[in-house]
Amino acid sequence: MGKLPVALTIAGTDPSGGAGVMADLKSFQARSVYGMAVVTSVVAQNTLGVQKIAHLELDMIEAQLASVFSDIQPQAIKTGMLAQVDMIELVADSLSKEKVPYVLDPVMVASSGDHLISQEAIEALKTRLLPLATLVTPNRAEAEVLAGFAIDTEDAILKAGYTIQDRYEVSSVIIKGGHFKGQASDYLFLENGQVIPYVSERIPGNDCHGTGCTFAAVITAELAKGKSLQEAVAIAKQFITKAIKEAPKLGNGHGPVNHIITL
């Protein structure tokens, strides 16, 4: 076997294994990609919610980034929870030197409804990280924060996607439709102005813990393999749909998806 494609996640933890770097690494593995992780925050959370958060010191995050980039070069990078302004500044400075696909999952609120980052961090994310991203993957609530208005119709989704692209100079955006009614439709806004819908059945139930992390991580894994953005999103859509459908039914709240699936 030749060298494995390599992907890096920069995010917070989840000891229950459903979200954060744990979900990212499992998703990379499921797609036959070697996963690396830089931890930014240690989060005590489970399917019921977030209980406590401890942010790592900046010099420790910087040391982790240096360890990775001085030794093993990733073919794609994903960021998740970046909770503080100085943390975002550090990561932005590091990523600005890299010339590989970068997927930004703008983690702001957990599936449980718990807020994970400050308003100041949201503003820093908008100005420093969004312009660096190959793809930004907001859910409905995150897209509303970025666009600055409510998203409750298909026309509003289209307006929001173009607004986010133009306002923050983002190459591509996918607005995820898991929080809307009807079919689970995601809309990919490409750099050339094209909009591609990805539609799947809506699966009833509470098994949504870590869906955003997993979806973005699979896209990152496929980009690390050299797939086009459209191909990567299509595979991620198939993966997350099956992972929800075959959820392991764990925990007493919003259960995790099943990362141990094959397509």
C-alpha atoms as a PDB file:
ATOM      1  CA  MET A   1       0.000   0.000   0.000  1.00  0.00           C
ATOM      2  CA  GLY A   2       1.265   3.485  -0.856  1.00  0.00           C
ATOM      3  CA  LYS A   3       1.043   6.514   1.344  1.00  0.00           C
ATOM      4  CA  LEU A   4      -2.357   7.183   2.854  1.00  0.00           C
ATOM      5  CA  PRO A   5      -4.000  10.546   2.212  1.00  0.00           C
ATOM      6  CA  VAL A   6      -3.785  12.674   5.360  1.00  0.00           C
ATOM      7  CA  ALA A   7      -6.346  15.041   6.906  1.00  0.00           C
ATOM      8  CA  LEU A   8      -6.041  17.311   9.936  1.00  0.00           C
ATOM      9  CA  THR A   9      -8.791  18.467  12.276  1.00  0.00           C
ATOM     10  CA  ILE A  10      -8.401  21.441  14.619  1.00  0.00           C
ATOM     11  CA  ALA A  11     -11.225  21.420  17.148  1.00  0.00           C
ATOM     12  CA  GLY A  12     -12.516  20.616  20.631  1.00  0.00           C
ATOM     13  CA  THR A  13     -13.095  17.214  22.188  1.00  0.00           C
ATOM     14  CA  ASP A  14     -16.138  15.127  23.059  1.00  0.00           C
ATOM     15  CA  PRO A  15     -15.545  12.359  25.621  1.00  0.00           C
ATOM     16  CA  SER A  16     -18.783  10.657  24.568  1.00  0.00           C
ATOM     17  CA  GLY A  17     -17.294  10.232  21.088  1.00  0.00           C
ATOM     18  CA  GLY A  18     -20.088  11.707  19.014  1.00  0.00           C
ATOM     19  CA  ALA A  19     -18.712  15.108  18.017  1.00  0.00           C
ATOM     20  CA  GLY A  20     -15.536  17.178  17.869  1.00  0.00           C
ATOM     21  CA  VAL A  21     -12.134  15.651  17.123  1.00  0.00           C
ATOM     22  CA  MET A  22     -13.404  12.205  18.106  1.00  0.00           C
ATOM     23  CA  ALA A  23     -16.081  12.266  15.394  1.00  0.00           C
ATOM     24  CA  ASP A  24     -13.634  13.794  12.914  1.00  0.00           C
ATOM     25  CA  LEU A  25     -10.979  11.124  13.429  1.00  0.00           C
ATOM     26  CA  LYS A  26     -13.531   8.319  13.189  1.00  0.00           C
ATOM     27  CA  SER A  27     -14.932   9.845   9.994  1.00  0.00           C
ATOM     28  CA  PHE A  28     -11.457  10.146   8.469  1.00  0.00           C
ATOM     29  CA  GLN A  29     -10.806   6.501   9.338  1.00  0.00           C
ATOM     30  CA  ALA A  30     -14.127   5.399   7.857  1.00  0.00           C
ATOM     31  CA  ARG A  31     -13.119   7.026   4.560  1.00  0.00           C
ATOM     32  CA  SER A  32      -9.627   5.418   4.576  1.00  0.00           C
ATOM     33  CA  VAL A  33      -7.805   8.656   5.373  1.00  0.00           C
ATOM     34  CA  TYR A  34      -5.071   9.012   7.996  1.00  0.00           C
ATOM     35  CA  GLY A  35      -6.357  11.442  10.627  1.00  0.00           C
ATOM     36  CA  MET A  36      -4.453  13.946  12.748  1.00  0.00           C
ATOM     37  CA  ALA A  37      -5.904  16.251  15.408  1.00  0.00           C
ATOM     38  CA  VAL A  38      -4.939  19.485  17.123  1.00  0.00           C
ATOM     39  CA  VAL A  39      -7.051  19.946  20.262  1.00  0.00           C
ATOM     40  CA  THR A  40      -8.171  23.502  21.064  1.00  0.00           C
ATOM     41  CA  SER A  41     -10.585  22.921  23.945  1.00  0.00           C
ATOM     42  CA  VAL A  42     -11.421  20.041  26.250  1.00  0.00           C
ATOM     43  CA  VAL A  43     -15.193  19.771  26.447  1.00  0.00           C
ATOM     44  CA  ALA A  44     -17.171  17.753  28.984  1.00  0.00           C
ATOM     45  CA  GLN A  45     -20.233  16.868  26.941  1.00  0.00           C
ATOM     46  CA  ASN A  46     -22.482  13.972  26.099  1.00  0.00           C
ATOM     47  CA  THR A  47     -25.801  13.360  24.360  1.00  0.00           C
ATOM     48  CA  LEU A  48     -27.576  15.454  27.004  1.00  0.00           C
ATOM     49  CA  GLY A  49     -25.515  18.617  26.611  1.00  0.00           C
ATOM     50  CA  VAL A  50     -22.323  20.453  27.508  1.00  0.00           C
ATOM     51  CA  GLN A  51     -21.318  20.421  31.168  1.00  0.00           C
ATOM     52  CA  LYS A  52     -17.935  22.170  31.201  1.00  0.00           C
ATOM     53  CA  ILE A  53     -15.323  23.612  28.824  1.00  0.00           C
ATOM     54  CA  ALA A  54     -11.608  24.189  29.410  1.00  0.00           C
ATOM     55  CA  HIS A  55      -9.612  25.962  26.717  1.00  0.00           C
ATOM     56  CA  LEU A  56      -6.001  24.992  26.117  1.00  0.00           C
ATOM     57  CA  GLU A  57      -3.276  27.597  26.504  1.00  0.00           C
ATOM     58  CA  LEU A  58      -2.304  29.292  23.266  1.00  0.00           C
ATOM     59  CA  ASP A  59       1.281  28.097  23.435  1.00  0.00           C
ATOM     60  CA  MET A  60       0.046  24.490  23.649  1.00  0.00           C
ATOM     61  CA  ILE A  61      -2.171  24.906  20.585  1.00  0.00           C
ATOM     62  CA  GLU A  62       0.707  26.571  18.757  1.00  0.00           C
ATOM     63  CA  ALA A  63       3.035  23.717  19.726  1.00  0.00           C
ATOM     64  CA  GLN A  64       0.574  21.137  18.399  1.00  0.00           C
ATOM     65  CA  LEU A  65       0.272  22.983  15.085  1.00  0.00           C
ATOM     66  CA  ALA A  66       4.054  23.204  14.813  1.00  0.00           C
ATOM     67  CA  SER A  67       4.414  19.487  15.572  1.00  0.00           C
ATOM     68  CA  VAL A  68       2.053  18.576  12.765  1.00  0.00           C
ATOM     69  CA  PHE A  69       3.202  20.959  10.051  1.00  0.00           C
ATOM     70  CA  SER A  70       6.913  20.387  10.682  1.00  0.00           C
ATOM     71  CA  ASP A  71       6.574  16.645  10.174  1.00  0.00           C
ATOM     72  CA  ILE A  72       3.458  15.380   8.353  1.00  0.00           C
ATOM     73  CA  GLN A  73       1.779  17.566   5.726  1.00  0.00           C
ATOM     74  CA  PRO A  74      -2.012  17.143   5.520  1.00  0.00           C
ATOM     75  CA  GLN A  75      -3.729  17.129   2.139  1.00  0.00           C
ATOM     76  CA  ALA A  76      -6.822  18.797   3.645  1.00  0.00           C
ATOM     77  CA  ILE A  77      -7.687  20.605   6.872  1.00  0.00           C
ATOM     78  CA  LYS A  78     -10.900  21.027   8.871  1.00  0.00           C
ATOM     79  CA  THR A  79     -11.601  23.360  11.775  1.00  0.00           C
ATOM     80  CA  GLY A  80     -14.410  22.958  14.257  1.00  0.00           C
ATOM     81  CA  MET A  81     -14.836  24.569  17.664  1.00  0.00           C
ATOM     82  CA  LEU A  82     -12.561  27.606  18.039  1.00  0.00           C
ATOM     83  CA  ALA A  83     -13.940  29.372  21.064  1.00  0.00           C
ATOM     84  CA  GLN A  84     -11.726  32.419  21.631  1.00  0.00           C
ATOM     85  CA  VAL A  85     -10.481  35.348  19.582  1.00  0.00           C
ATOM     86  CA  ASP A  86      -6.781  34.729  20.215  1.00  0.00           C
ATOM     87  CA  MET A  87      -7.263  31.053  19.362  1.00  0.00           C
ATOM     88  CA  ILE A  88      -8.851  32.007  16.042  1.00  0.00           C
ATOM     89  CA  GLU A  89      -6.065  34.496  15.312  1.00  0.00           C
ATOM     90  CA  LEU A  90      -3.430  31.822  15.945  1.00  0.00           C
ATOM     91  CA  VAL A  91      -5.142  29.234  13.756  1.00  0.00           C
ATOM     92  CA  ALA A  92      -5.774  31.782  10.983  1.00  0.00           C
ATOM     93  CA  ASP A  93      -2.098  32.783  10.959  1.00  0.00           C
ATOM     94  CA  SER A  94      -1.129  29.115  10.682  1.00  0.00           C
ATOM     95  CA  LEU A  95      -3.655  28.188   7.981  1.00  0.00           C
ATOM     96  CA  SER A  96      -2.830  31.234   5.863  1.00  0.00           C
ATOM     97  CA  LYS A  97       0.547  29.590   5.148  1.00  0.00           C
ATOM     98  CA  GLU A  98      -1.009  26.322   3.935  1.00  0.00           C
ATOM     99  CA  LYS A  99      -2.058  25.689   0.333  1.00  0.00           C
ATOM    100  CA  VAL A 100      -4.441  22.782   0.809  1.00  0.00           C
ATOM    101  CA  PRO A 101      -8.257  22.587   0.873  1.00  0.00           C
ATOM    102  CA  TYR A 102      -9.675  23.963   4.117  1.00  0.00           C
ATOM    103  CA  VAL A 103     -13.187  23.107   5.370  1.00  0.00           C
ATOM    104  CA  LEU A 104     -14.536  25.453   8.032  1.00  0.00           C
ATOM    105  CA  ASP A 105     -17.321  24.063  10.203  1.00  0.00           C
ATOM    106  CA  PRO A 106     -18.437  27.233  12.027  1.00  0.00           C
ATOM    107  CA  VAL A 107     -19.316  25.490  15.287  1.00  0.00           C
ATOM    108  CA  MET A 108     -21.289  27.934  17.418  1.00  0.00           C
ATOM    109  CA  VAL A 109     -24.089  25.965  19.062  1.00  0.00           C
ATOM    110  CA  ALA A 110     -24.186  22.261  20.008  1.00  0.00           C
ATOM    111  CA  SER A 111     -27.080  19.992  18.981  1.00  0.00           C
ATOM    112  CA  SER A 112     -28.274  20.285  22.567  1.00  0.00           C
ATOM    113  CA  GLY A 113     -28.631  24.058  22.153  1.00  0.00           C
ATOM    114  CA  ASP A 114     -25.600  24.948  24.275  1.00  0.00           C
ATOM    115  CA  HIS A 115     -23.594  27.940  23.027  1.00  0.00           C
ATOM    116  CA  LEU A 116     -19.962  26.993  22.501  1.00  0.00           C
ATOM    117  CA  ILE A 117     -18.206  30.232  21.484  1.00  0.00           C
ATOM    118  CA  SER A 118     -18.436  33.912  22.416  1.00  0.00           C
ATOM    119  CA  GLN A 119     -19.837  36.718  20.275  1.00  0.00           C
ATOM    120  CA  GLU A 120     -16.338  38.181  19.993  1.00  0.00           C
ATOM    121  CA  ALA A 121     -15.088  34.844  18.659  1.00  0.00           C
ATOM    122  CA  ILE A 122     -17.903  34.770  16.094  1.00  0.00           C
ATOM    123  CA  GLU A 123     -16.769  38.167  14.787  1.00  0.00           C
ATOM    124  CA  ALA A 124     -13.135  37.001  14.600  1.00  0.00           C
ATOM    125  CA  LEU A 125     -14.220  33.847  12.785  1.00  0.00           C
ATOM    126  CA  LYS A 126     -16.029  35.996  10.209  1.00  0.00           C
ATOM    127  CA  THR A 127     -13.090  38.289   9.511  1.00  0.00           C
ATOM    128  CA  ARG A 128     -10.079  35.972   9.869  1.00  0.00           C
ATOM    129  CA  LEU A 129     -11.134  32.415   9.001  1.00  0.00           C
ATOM    130  CA  LEU A 130     -13.982  32.638   6.492  1.00  0.00           C
ATOM    131  CA  PRO A 131     -11.864  34.316   3.778  1.00  0.00           C
ATOM    132  CA  LEU A 132      -9.333  31.446   4.046  1.00  0.00           C
ATOM    133  CA  ALA A 133     -11.893  28.657   3.644  1.00  0.00           C
ATOM    134  CA  THR A 134     -12.370  26.472   0.587  1.00  0.00           C
ATOM    135  CA  LEU A 135     -15.787  25.564   1.982  1.00  0.00           C
ATOM    136  CA  VAL A 136     -17.886  26.782   4.917  1.00  0.00           C
ATOM    137  CA  THR A 137     -20.520  24.342   6.253  1.00  0.00           C
ATOM    138  CA  PRO A 138     -23.081  26.208   8.415  1.00  0.00           C
ATOM    139  CA  ASN A 139     -26.330  24.688   9.587  1.00  0.00           C
ATOM    140  CA  ARG A 140     -29.448  26.842   9.549  1.00  0.00           C
ATOM    141  CA  ALA A 141     -28.760  28.648  12.845  1.00  0.00           C
ATOM    142  CA  GLU A 142     -25.125  29.305  11.940  1.00  0.00           C
ATOM    143  CA  ALA A 143     -26.074  30.507   8.457  1.00  0.00           C
ATOM    144  CA  GLU A 144     -28.533  32.955  10.030  1.00  0.00           C
ATOM    145  CA  VAL A 145     -25.748  34.341  12.231  1.00  0.00           C
ATOM    146  CA  LEU A 146     -23.408  34.714   9.257  1.00  0.00           C
ATOM    147  CA  ALA A 147     -26.016  36.136   6.870  1.00  0.00           C
ATOM    148  CA  GLY A 148     -27.698  38.356   9.464  1.00  0.00           C
ATOM    149  CA  PHE A 149     -31.304  37.389   8.758  1.00  0.00           C
ATOM    150  CA  ALA A 150     -33.806  34.577   9.300  1.00  0.00           C
ATOM    151  CA  ILE A 151     -33.723  31.642   6.893  1.00  0.00           C
ATOM    152  CA  ASP A 152     -37.138  30.018   6.592  1.00  0.00           C
ATOM    153  CA  THR A 153     -37.725  29.601   2.842  1.00  0.00           C
ATOM    154  CA  GLU A 154     -35.791  28.349  -0.180  1.00  0.00           C
ATOM    155  CA  ASP A 155     -35.458  31.934  -1.411  1.00  0.00           C
ATOM    156  CA  ALA A 156     -33.936  32.885   1.953  1.00  0.00           C
ATOM    157  CA  ILE A 157     -31.462  29.986   1.673  1.00  0.00           C
ATOM    158  CA  LEU A 158     -30.344  31.222  -1.753  1.00  0.00           C
ATOM    159  CA  LYS A 159     -30.023  34.783  -0.523  1.00  0.00           C
ATOM    160  CA  ALA A 160     -28.062  33.634   2.536  1.00  0.00           C
ATOM    161  CA  GLY A 161     -25.600  31.551   0.538  1.00  0.00           C
ATOM    162  CA  TYR A 162     -24.747  34.393  -1.823  1.00  0.00           C
ATOM    163  CA  THR A 163     -24.626  36.860   1.073  1.00  0.00           C
ATOM    164  CA  ILE A 164     -22.111  34.739   3.004  1.00  0.00           C
ATOM    165  CA  GLN A 165     -19.972  34.271  -0.109  1.00  0.00           C
ATOM    166  CA  ASP A 166     -19.925  37.965  -0.973  1.00  0.00           C
ATOM    167  CA  ARG A 167     -19.678  39.424   2.531  1.00  0.00           C
ATOM    168  CA  TYR A 168     -16.805  37.221   3.708  1.00  0.00           C
ATOM    169  CA  GLU A 169     -15.107  36.447   0.363  1.00  0.00           C
ATOM    170  CA  VAL A 170     -15.656  32.714   0.846  1.00  0.00           C
ATOM    171  CA  SER A 171     -14.966  30.428  -2.113  1.00  0.00           C
ATOM    172  CA  SER A 172     -17.875  28.036  -1.490  1.00  0.00           C
ATOM    173  CA  VAL A 173     -20.648  27.583   1.061  1.00  0.00           C
ATOM    174  CA  ILE A 174     -22.968  24.687   1.804  1.00  0.00           C
ATOM    175  CA  ILE A 175     -26.040  25.485   3.878  1.00  0.00           C
ATOM    176  CA  LYS A 176     -27.207  22.291   5.530  1.00  0.00           C
ATOM    177  CA  GLY A 177     -30.924  21.594   5.611  1.00  0.00           C
ATOM    178  CA  GLY A 178     -31.131  19.212   8.538  1.00  0.00           C
ATOM    179  CA  HIS A 179     -32.991  21.770  10.657  1.00  0.00           C
ATOM    180  CA  PHE A 180     -35.678  22.507   8.037  1.00  0.00           C
ATOM    181  CA  LYS A 181     -38.932  20.619   7.481  1.00  0.00           C
ATOM    182  CA  GLY A 182     -39.537  18.266   4.561  1.00  0.00           C
ATOM    183  CA  GLN A 183     -36.679  16.550   2.770  1.00  0.00           C
ATOM    184  CA  ALA A 184     -33.128  17.037   4.044  1.00  0.00           C
ATOM    185  CA  SER A 185     -31.842  19.356   1.314  1.00  0.00           C
ATOM    186  CA  ASP A 186     -28.372  20.901   1.395  1.00  0.00           C
ATOM    187  CA  TYR A 187     -27.389  23.702  -0.988  1.00  0.00           C
ATOM    188  CA  LEU A 188     -23.817  24.038  -2.265  1.00  0.00           C
ATOM    189  CA  PHE A 189     -22.867  27.508  -3.530  1.00  0.00           C
ATOM    190  CA  LEU A 190     -19.827  27.261  -5.774  1.00  0.00           C
ATOM    191  CA  GLU A 191     -17.269  29.934  -6.543  1.00  0.00           C
ATOM    192  CA  ASN A 192     -18.640  30.334 -10.080  1.00  0.00           C
ATOM    193  CA  GLY A 193     -22.123  31.237  -8.806  1.00  0.00           C
ATOM    194  CA  GLN A 194     -23.642  27.810  -9.435  1.00  0.00           C
ATOM    195  CA  VAL A 195     -25.920  26.331  -6.771  1.00  0.00           C
ATOM    196  CA  ILE A 196     -26.145  22.534  -6.464  1.00  0.00           C
ATOM    197  CA  PRO A 197     -28.835  20.933  -4.261  1.00  0.00           C
ATOM    198  CA  TYR A 198     -28.183  17.630  -2.495  1.00  0.00           C
ATOM    199  CA  VAL A 199     -31.430  15.992  -1.427  1.00  0.00           C
ATOM    200  CA  SER A 200     -32.032  12.979   0.796  1.00  0.00           C
ATOM    201  CA  GLU A 201     -34.843  11.550   2.860  1.00  0.00           C
ATOM    202  CA  ARG A 202     -35.393  13.020   6.308  1.00  0.00           C
ATOM    203  CA  ILE A 203     -34.815  10.382   8.978  1.00  0.00           C
ATOM    204  CA  PRO A 204     -36.980  10.792  12.082  1.00  0.00           C
ATOM    205  CA  GLY A 205     -35.492  10.585  15.543  1.00  0.00           C
ATOM    206  CA  ASN A 206     -33.040  12.277  17.896  1.00  0.00           C
ATOM    207  CA  ASP A 207     -29.793  10.840  16.549  1.00  0.00           C
ATOM    208  CA  CYS A 208     -28.182  14.112  15.494  1.00  0.00           C
ATOM    209  CA  HIS A 209     -25.252  14.542  17.904  1.00  0.00           C
ATOM    210  CA  GLY A 210     -22.165  15.340  15.858  1.00  0.00           C
ATOM    211  CA  THR A 211     -23.867  15.342  12.454  1.00  0.00           C
ATOM    212  CA  GLY A 212     -22.262  18.638  11.448  1.00  0.00           C
ATOM    213  CA  CYS A 213     -18.788  17.519  12.520  1.00  0.00           C
ATOM    214  CA  THR A 214     -19.144  14.207  10.716  1.00  0.00           C
ATOM    215  CA  PHE A 215     -20.485  15.725   7.494  1.00  0.00           C
ATOM    216  CA  ALA A 216     -17.668  18.293   7.312  1.00  0.00           C
ATOM    217  CA  ALA A 217     -15.053  15.683   8.246  1.00  0.00           C
ATOM    218  CA  VAL A 218     -16.092  13.351   5.423  1.00  0.00           C
ATOM    219  CA  ILE A 219     -15.902  16.240   2.954  1.00  0.00           C
ATOM    220  CA  THR A 220     -12.402  16.978   4.277  1.00  0.00           C
ATOM    221  CA  ALA A 221     -11.386  13.339   3.902  1.00  0.00           C
ATOM    222  CA  GLU A 222     -12.580  13.204   0.307  1.00  0.00           C
ATOM    223  CA  LEU A 223     -10.795  16.461  -0.545  1.00  0.00           C
ATOM    224  CA  ALA A 224      -7.622  14.949   0.934  1.00  0.00           C
ATOM    225  CA  LYS A 225      -8.004  12.150  -1.624  1.00  0.00           C
ATOM    226  CA  GLY A 226      -8.126  14.697  -4.425  1.00  0.00           C
ATOM    227  CA  LYS A 227     -11.873  14.545  -5.072  1.00  0.00           C
ATOM    228  CA  SER A 228     -13.638  17.623  -6.434  1.00  0.00           C
ATOM    229  CA  LEU A 229     -15.757  19.645  -4.042  1.00  0.00           C
ATOM    230  CA  GLN A 230     -18.967  18.439  -5.692  1.00  0.00           C
ATOM    231  CA  GLU A 231     -17.863  14.798  -5.416  1.00  0.00           C
ATOM    232  CA  ALA A 232     -16.760  15.250  -1.792  1.00  0.00           C
ATOM    233  CA  VAL A 233     -20.098  16.771  -0.792  1.00  0.00           C
ATOM    234  CA  ALA A 234     -22.058  14.048  -2.586  1.00  0.00           C
ATOM    235  CA  ILE A 235     -20.143  11.328  -0.732  1.00  0.00           C
ATOM    236  CA  ALA A 236     -20.536  13.151   2.595  1.00  0.00           C
ATOM    237  CA  LYS A 237     -24.275  13.457   2.008  1.00  0.00           C
ATOM    238  CA  GLN A 238     -24.554   9.713   1.401  1.00  0.00           C
ATOM    239  CA  PHE A 239     -22.392   8.988   4.422  1.00  0.00           C
ATOM    240  CA  ILE A 240     -24.265  11.154   6.928  1.00  0.00           C
ATOM    241  CA  THR A 241     -27.659   9.912   5.710  1.00  0.00           C
ATOM    242  CA  LYS A 242     -26.627   6.294   6.245  1.00  0.00           C
ATOM    243  CA  ALA A 243     -24.854   7.126   9.532  1.00  0.00           C
ATOM    244  CA  ILE A 244     -28.064   8.642  10.909  1.00  0.00           C
ATOM    245  CA  LYS A 245     -30.230   5.816   9.560  1.00  0.00           C
ATOM    246  CA  GLU A 246     -27.962   3.227  11.219  1.00  0.00           C
ATOM    247  CA  ALA A 247     -27.396   5.196  14.441  1.00  0.00           C
ATOM    248  CA  PRO A 248     -26.303   3.003  17.373  1.00  0.00           C
ATOM    249  CA  LYS A 249     -29.009   4.411  19.704  1.00  0.00           C
ATOM    250  CA  LEU A 250     -26.671   5.422  22.507  1.00  0.00           C
ATOM    251  CA  GLY A 251     -27.215   7.864  25.350  1.00  0.00           C
ATOM    252  CA  ASN A 252     -30.268   9.506  26.862  1.00  0.00           C
ATOM    253  CA  GLY A 253     -30.441  12.643  24.705  1.00  0.00           C
ATOM    254  CA  HIS A 254     -29.431  13.497  21.143  1.00  0.00           C
ATOM    255  CA  GLY A 255     -27.710  10.242  20.208  1.00  0.00           C
ATOM    256  CA  PRO A 256     -24.579  10.003  18.044  1.00  0.00           C
ATOM    257  CA  VAL A 257     -24.495   8.839  14.454  1.00  0.00           C
ATOM    258  CA  ASN A 258     -22.825   5.609  13.376  1.00  0.00           C
ATOM    259  CA  HIS A 259     -19.306   6.317  12.115  1.00  0.00           C
ATOM    260  CA  ILE A 260     -18.613   2.649  11.406  1.00  0.00           C
ATOM    261  CA  ILE A 261     -20.427   2.442   8.084  1.00  0.00           C
ATOM    262  CA  THR A 262     -19.344   1.761   4.521  1.00  0.00           C
ATOM    263  CA  LEU A 263     -20.789   3.155   1.309  1.00  0.00           C
END
